[in-house]
Amino acid sequence: MEGRVVLVTGASGGIGHAIARRLGTAGATVAVHYGRNEAAGRALAARLPRAAAFGADMLLKKSPDELVDQVESELGPVDMLVANHGVARRAAVEDVDADDFDYTLAVNLRAPFLLARRVLPGMRERGFGRILFVSSVAAFTGGIVGPHYAASKAGLNAITHHIASRTAGDGITVNAIAPALIENTDMLPGDPGELASRIPVGRLGRPEEVADLAMAVLGNAYLTNQVLSLDGGVYPR
């Protein structure tokens, strides 16, 4: 990771915070993106050897391009993208209206795609790139958050496969990790104790465990076009 510029979205807490922290200690220059929690984003950036914090609302169509422009202006070309940000508003089928559906797909699916589209030309030109999407086990099982959330994550898996198959020869790897029920995040869809009882290993996952997998994926030049589950055995495949 030494000398690489990495953009981690949704890095102000939970999984994104853990990944950004690991990247920073491994020598990367980290662009710490935050949505609403500016204080946490800036605090993390201040603790890392080479980092800066950047705010952007991923609901807005213009934000992905503007975010990358700002990062590259301040830190240099983006070598690695970890699209981790997302929203998870729990709702039953009958309670998800058109606005709920559009909001979730705009943040969870459209924004990651636009981020990837923006960084890909530079990665191709330099002959190196890593793109890692943070999906969810809900993409495979439907999950318990709602149909809008599951659809957004299933779409993210499809985008992973589409881009990866077209960039492998350019030195760019594109993968996704699909965690389930990770503690210390604001996206848990229920009581932690009750949720833990559903997991074969008997507990919630930890953000640091997701960061372990993310680091392994980002560091492996032979791994691409994969969606890797990290769910405590919830969905065997």
Foldseek 3Di string as FASTA:
>chain_A
DAPAEEEQAQCLWFLNVLQQLVCLVVHYQYEQEHEPCPVSSQVSQVPGPHYDYDYFHQLDLCGLLVRQVVCCVPPNAHAEYEHEDFDFAADEPVPQDPVNLSSRLSRLAVSLVSNCVNRVVVLLVVLGHEYEYEAACCCVVVDRRYVSNNVNRVNVLVVQLVVQVVCLVSHYAGEYEHEYFEPGDPNHPDDQQVVQVLAPVRHGHYSNVVSVVVVVRRVDSVDHSYYHYHYNPNDDD
